[in-house]
Structures are given as C-alpha cells and as structure tokens.
Amino acid sequence: MNKSILIVLLAVFFIACGNKTENKQAENPTQEQTVTTTDASVVNVYYFHGKQRCRTCIAIENVTKNAIAENYKDNPKVKYTEINIDEAVNKDLVEKYEIAFSSLLIAKGENSTDLTEQAFANAVNSPDVLTNLIKEEVNKRID
C-alpha cells in the first residue's frame, strides 16, 4: 500500500516538474562548476536538480541553502553545492550517486544519506522539519 502511494506521488512529481516552465528562478542557469569529492573530512550537502524545477524543488533548494548558511556559515567542514544534472560537467557526480531527478544528499567520504523523500514531503509546508533533519544529518558527520 505504501509503495503504491509513493509511486503515485513520484508520478505526480515528475508531471509537475516537467510542466513548470514559467518560473524565472528555475530557468536561471547555474554557474558551471566542477565538484570534487576527494576531501573525506568535508560534509557535502548536495542539491541536485534539472533545468526545469517545480515549486517544491525550488523550496527544497531554498530551505537547504538557508539551513546550511544559518547554521554552518563559519564551518569550513560543511559545504553546500547546487548541481544541475543536465550539465555535462556534473556527469561524474550524477553517475556516482545515481541521480535521475531532483535529489538532496548529505555525504562525507563514501558515506551518504538520501533525504530526497523527506525533502519533498516537508519543504513547502513544514520547512522547519526539513531544516532540523538537515542539521541532524550534518551534525552526525561533523568531526
């Protein structure tokens, strides 16, 4: 039963993200960047997205970016990175984490946690829940 609900929610998500073309913020291209994961002492918070994003995708980005900026701005061991999965320069990282659509991952070295499902469930209506979850997962990985 729960799997059926999850499949239906994911189908609705794909349809919603594919049809949203008027959002100016979602259309702004990100700067070309090369992401390296060689420093195993850094907690990387990755927000993966495509060119077109729905309201929830943008909310995930905003909540995540704010959570990291407000709680870890002076900590060089925590890094937030926005990654456009449509750009060839990000291909290696997208393949490493097997990303197919908007995703939120927290990684340190080879250990990573996928918060995508919780992010989609909370970013719009309960951003504080997502913020606390991000802080909890980052704090688990800080030395």
C-alpha atoms as a PDB file:
ATOM      1  CA  MET A   1       0.000   0.000   0.000  1.00  0.00           C
ATOM      2  CA  ASN A   2       2.766   2.452   0.969  1.00  0.00           C
ATOM      3  CA  LYS A   3       4.712   1.611  -2.180  1.00  0.00           C
ATOM      4  CA  SER A   4       1.662   2.377  -4.302  1.00  0.00           C
ATOM      5  CA  ILE A   5       1.261   5.766  -2.643  1.00  0.00           C
ATOM      6  CA  LEU A   6       4.955   6.540  -3.124  1.00  0.00           C
ATOM      7  CA  ILE A   7       4.795   5.570  -6.806  1.00  0.00           C
ATOM      8  CA  VAL A   8       1.743   7.786  -7.336  1.00  0.00           C
ATOM      9  CA  LEU A   9       3.438  10.703  -5.545  1.00  0.00           C
ATOM     10  CA  LEU A  10       6.582  10.314  -7.645  1.00  0.00           C
ATOM     11  CA  ALA A  11       4.493  10.211 -10.833  1.00  0.00           C
ATOM     12  CA  VAL A  12       2.723  13.427  -9.813  1.00  0.00           C
ATOM     13  CA  PHE A  13       6.098  14.984  -9.019  1.00  0.00           C
ATOM     14  CA  PHE A  14       7.520  14.134 -12.446  1.00  0.00           C
ATOM     15  CA  ILE A  15       4.477  15.553 -14.176  1.00  0.00           C
ATOM     16  CA  ALA A  16       4.545  18.731 -12.070  1.00  0.00           C
ATOM     17  CA  CYS A  17       8.261  19.337 -12.623  1.00  0.00           C
ATOM     18  CA  GLY A  18       8.018  18.707 -16.349  1.00  0.00           C
ATOM     19  CA  ASN A  19       5.194  21.198 -16.887  1.00  0.00           C
ATOM     20  CA  LYS A  20       6.559  24.125 -14.883  1.00  0.00           C
ATOM     21  CA  THR A  21       8.267  26.436 -17.374  1.00  0.00           C
ATOM     22  CA  GLU A  22       7.339  29.953 -16.307  1.00  0.00           C
ATOM     23  CA  ASN A  23       9.327  30.218 -13.090  1.00  0.00           C
ATOM     24  CA  LYS A  24      12.157  32.666 -13.751  1.00  0.00           C
ATOM     25  CA  GLN A  25      14.226  31.438 -10.815  1.00  0.00           C
ATOM     26  CA  ALA A  26      14.128  27.870 -12.087  1.00  0.00           C
ATOM     27  CA  GLU A  27      15.267  28.935 -15.544  1.00  0.00           C
ATOM     28  CA  ASN A  28      18.391  30.740 -14.380  1.00  0.00           C
ATOM     29  CA  PRO A  29      21.364  28.598 -15.320  1.00  0.00           C
ATOM     30  CA  THR A  30      23.782  27.758 -12.560  1.00  0.00           C
ATOM     31  CA  GLN A  31      27.394  28.671 -12.879  1.00  0.00           C
ATOM     32  CA  GLU A  32      29.483  25.974 -14.447  1.00  0.00           C
ATOM     33  CA  GLN A  33      31.268  24.201 -11.667  1.00  0.00           C
ATOM     34  CA  THR A  34      33.405  21.175 -11.157  1.00  0.00           C
ATOM     35  CA  VAL A  35      32.569  19.330  -7.973  1.00  0.00           C
ATOM     36  CA  THR A  36      35.254  17.320  -6.280  1.00  0.00           C
ATOM     37  CA  THR A  37      34.676  14.810  -3.522  1.00  0.00           C
ATOM     38  CA  THR A  38      38.255  13.997  -2.618  1.00  0.00           C
ATOM     39  CA  ASP A  39      38.265  15.626   0.846  1.00  0.00           C
ATOM     40  CA  ALA A  40      36.755  12.986   3.110  1.00  0.00           C
ATOM     41  CA  SER A  41      36.762  15.390   6.076  1.00  0.00           C
ATOM     42  CA  VAL A  42      34.159  17.703   4.499  1.00  0.00           C
ATOM     43  CA  VAL A  43      30.418  17.166   4.878  1.00  0.00           C
ATOM     44  CA  ASN A  44      28.931  17.856   1.440  1.00  0.00           C
ATOM     45  CA  VAL A  45      25.285  18.820   1.155  1.00  0.00           C
ATOM     46  CA  TYR A  46      24.325  18.255  -2.472  1.00  0.00           C
ATOM     47  CA  TYR A  47      21.134  19.557  -4.032  1.00  0.00           C
ATOM     48  CA  PHE A  48      20.747  18.002  -7.496  1.00  0.00           C
ATOM     49  CA  HIS A  49      18.231  19.451  -9.949  1.00  0.00           C
ATOM     50  CA  GLY A  50      17.397  19.686 -13.625  1.00  0.00           C
ATOM     51  CA  LYS A  51      16.867  22.789 -15.718  1.00  0.00           C
ATOM     52  CA  GLN A  52      13.125  22.981 -15.067  1.00  0.00           C
ATOM     53  CA  ARG A  53      12.003  22.847 -11.457  1.00  0.00           C
ATOM     54  CA  CYS A  54       8.648  22.821  -9.736  1.00  0.00           C
ATOM     55  CA  ARG A  55       7.681  24.860  -6.692  1.00  0.00           C
ATOM     56  CA  THR A  56       8.684  22.065  -4.323  1.00  0.00           C
ATOM     57  CA  CYS A  57      12.093  21.640  -5.972  1.00  0.00           C
ATOM     58  CA  ILE A  58      12.799  25.341  -5.525  1.00  0.00           C
ATOM     59  CA  ALA A  59      11.596  25.183  -1.916  1.00  0.00           C
ATOM     60  CA  ILE A  60      13.997  22.300  -1.223  1.00  0.00           C
ATOM     61  CA  GLU A  61      16.863  24.372  -2.591  1.00  0.00           C
ATOM     62  CA  ASN A  62      15.911  27.435  -0.534  1.00  0.00           C
ATOM     63  CA  VAL A  63      15.379  25.548   2.734  1.00  0.00           C
ATOM     64  CA  THR A  64      18.632  23.619   2.314  1.00  0.00           C
ATOM     65  CA  LYS A  65      20.677  26.656   1.328  1.00  0.00           C
ATOM     66  CA  ASN A  66      19.307  28.644   4.285  1.00  0.00           C
ATOM     67  CA  ALA A  67      19.830  25.789   6.753  1.00  0.00           C
ATOM     68  CA  ILE A  68      23.489  25.497   5.797  1.00  0.00           C
ATOM     69  CA  ALA A  69      24.084  29.264   5.663  1.00  0.00           C
ATOM     70  CA  GLU A  70      22.439  29.915   9.033  1.00  0.00           C
ATOM     71  CA  ASN A  71      23.986  27.004  10.923  1.00  0.00           C
ATOM     72  CA  TYR A  72      27.359  26.328   9.284  1.00  0.00           C
ATOM     73  CA  LYS A  73      28.486  29.546   7.574  1.00  0.00           C
ATOM     74  CA  ASP A  74      31.684  29.683   9.656  1.00  0.00           C
ATOM     75  CA  ASN A  75      32.406  25.961   9.423  1.00  0.00           C
ATOM     76  CA  PRO A  76      34.752  25.088   6.543  1.00  0.00           C
ATOM     77  CA  LYS A  77      33.956  21.400   7.080  1.00  0.00           C
ATOM     78  CA  VAL A  78      30.388  21.828   5.769  1.00  0.00           C
ATOM     79  CA  LYS A  79      29.804  22.696   2.127  1.00  0.00           C
ATOM     80  CA  TYR A  80      26.543  23.260   0.235  1.00  0.00           C
ATOM     81  CA  THR A  81      26.643  22.588  -3.507  1.00  0.00           C
ATOM     82  CA  GLU A  82      23.865  23.040  -6.044  1.00  0.00           C
ATOM     83  CA  ILE A  83      24.315  20.693  -9.004  1.00  0.00           C
ATOM     84  CA  ASN A  84      22.467  20.895 -12.307  1.00  0.00           C
ATOM     85  CA  ILE A  85      22.140  17.299 -13.511  1.00  0.00           C
ATOM     86  CA  ASP A  86      21.677  18.492 -17.102  1.00  0.00           C
ATOM     87  CA  GLU A  87      25.195  19.940 -17.329  1.00  0.00           C
ATOM     88  CA  ALA A  88      27.902  17.638 -18.671  1.00  0.00           C
ATOM     89  CA  VAL A  89      30.460  18.974 -16.196  1.00  0.00           C
ATOM     90  CA  ASN A  90      28.479  17.297 -13.374  1.00  0.00           C
ATOM     91  CA  LYS A  91      28.155  13.899 -15.081  1.00  0.00           C
ATOM     92  CA  ASP A  92      30.606  12.044 -12.818  1.00  0.00           C
ATOM     93  CA  LEU A  93      28.905  13.105  -9.594  1.00  0.00           C
ATOM     94  CA  VAL A  94      25.438  12.428 -11.023  1.00  0.00           C
ATOM     95  CA  GLU A  95      26.537   8.918 -12.004  1.00  0.00           C
ATOM     96  CA  LYS A  96      28.307   8.298  -8.691  1.00  0.00           C
ATOM     97  CA  TYR A  97      25.118   8.926  -6.721  1.00  0.00           C
ATOM     98  CA  GLU A  98      22.819   7.521  -9.438  1.00  0.00           C
ATOM     99  CA  ILE A  99      20.767  10.721  -9.654  1.00  0.00           C
ATOM    100  CA  ALA A 100      17.841  10.839 -12.101  1.00  0.00           C
ATOM    101  CA  PHE A 101      15.828  13.822 -10.821  1.00  0.00           C
ATOM    102  CA  SER A 102      15.871  16.445  -8.067  1.00  0.00           C
ATOM    103  CA  SER A 103      17.594  14.983  -5.031  1.00  0.00           C
ATOM    104  CA  LEU A 104      19.026  16.051  -1.686  1.00  0.00           C
ATOM    105  CA  LEU A 105      22.040  14.145  -0.383  1.00  0.00           C
ATOM    106  CA  ILE A 106      24.338  14.630   2.568  1.00  0.00           C
ATOM    107  CA  ALA A 107      27.686  12.943   2.083  1.00  0.00           C
ATOM    108  CA  LYS A 108      31.016  12.616   3.807  1.00  0.00           C
ATOM    109  CA  GLY A 109      33.605  10.498   2.066  1.00  0.00           C
ATOM    110  CA  GLU A 110      31.856   7.423   0.723  1.00  0.00           C
ATOM    111  CA  ASN A 111      29.039   7.616   3.298  1.00  0.00           C
ATOM    112  CA  SER A 112      25.898   9.382   2.076  1.00  0.00           C
ATOM    113  CA  THR A 113      22.290   9.791   3.153  1.00  0.00           C
ATOM    114  CA  ASP A 114      19.481  10.479   0.695  1.00  0.00           C
ATOM    115  CA  LEU A 115      16.983  12.972   2.135  1.00  0.00           C
ATOM    116  CA  THR A 116      15.010  13.387  -1.083  1.00  0.00           C
ATOM    117  CA  GLU A 117      11.782  11.774   0.090  1.00  0.00           C
ATOM    118  CA  GLN A 118      11.720  13.759   3.346  1.00  0.00           C
ATOM    119  CA  ALA A 119      12.648  16.943   1.473  1.00  0.00           C
ATOM    120  CA  PHE A 120       9.691  16.636  -0.899  1.00  0.00           C
ATOM    121  CA  ALA A 121       7.378  15.834   1.996  1.00  0.00           C
ATOM    122  CA  ASN A 122       8.390  18.861   4.093  1.00  0.00           C
ATOM    123  CA  ALA A 123       9.996  21.667   2.063  1.00  0.00           C
ATOM    124  CA  VAL A 124       6.814  23.595   1.262  1.00  0.00           C
ATOM    125  CA  ASN A 125       4.521  23.036   4.258  1.00  0.00           C
ATOM    126  CA  SER A 126       6.978  22.170   7.064  1.00  0.00           C
ATOM    127  CA  PRO A 127      10.348  23.715   6.208  1.00  0.00           C
ATOM    128  CA  ASP A 128      11.400  23.655   9.867  1.00  0.00           C
ATOM    129  CA  VAL A 129      11.117  19.860   9.853  1.00  0.00           C
ATOM    130  CA  LEU A 130      13.425  19.672   6.834  1.00  0.00           C
ATOM    131  CA  THR A 131      15.840  22.186   8.379  1.00  0.00           C
ATOM    132  CA  ASN A 132      16.066  20.103  11.569  1.00  0.00           C
ATOM    133  CA  LEU A 133      16.599  16.922   9.572  1.00  0.00           C
ATOM    134  CA  ILE A 134      19.408  18.534   7.570  1.00  0.00           C
ATOM    135  CA  LYS A 135      21.064  19.804  10.764  1.00  0.00           C
ATOM    136  CA  GLU A 136      20.735  16.378  12.391  1.00  0.00           C
ATOM    137  CA  GLU A 137      22.342  14.583   9.439  1.00  0.00           C
ATOM    138  CA  VAL A 138      25.143  17.154   9.061  1.00  0.00           C
ATOM    139  CA  ASN A 139      25.888  17.095  12.805  1.00  0.00           C
ATOM    140  CA  LYS A 140      26.230  13.284  12.695  1.00  0.00           C
ATOM    141  CA  ARG A 141      29.075  13.699  10.213  1.00  0.00           C
ATOM    142  CA  ILE A 142      30.992  16.643  11.682  1.00  0.00           C
ATOM    143  CA  ASP A 143      34.209  15.524  13.375  1.00  0.00           C
END
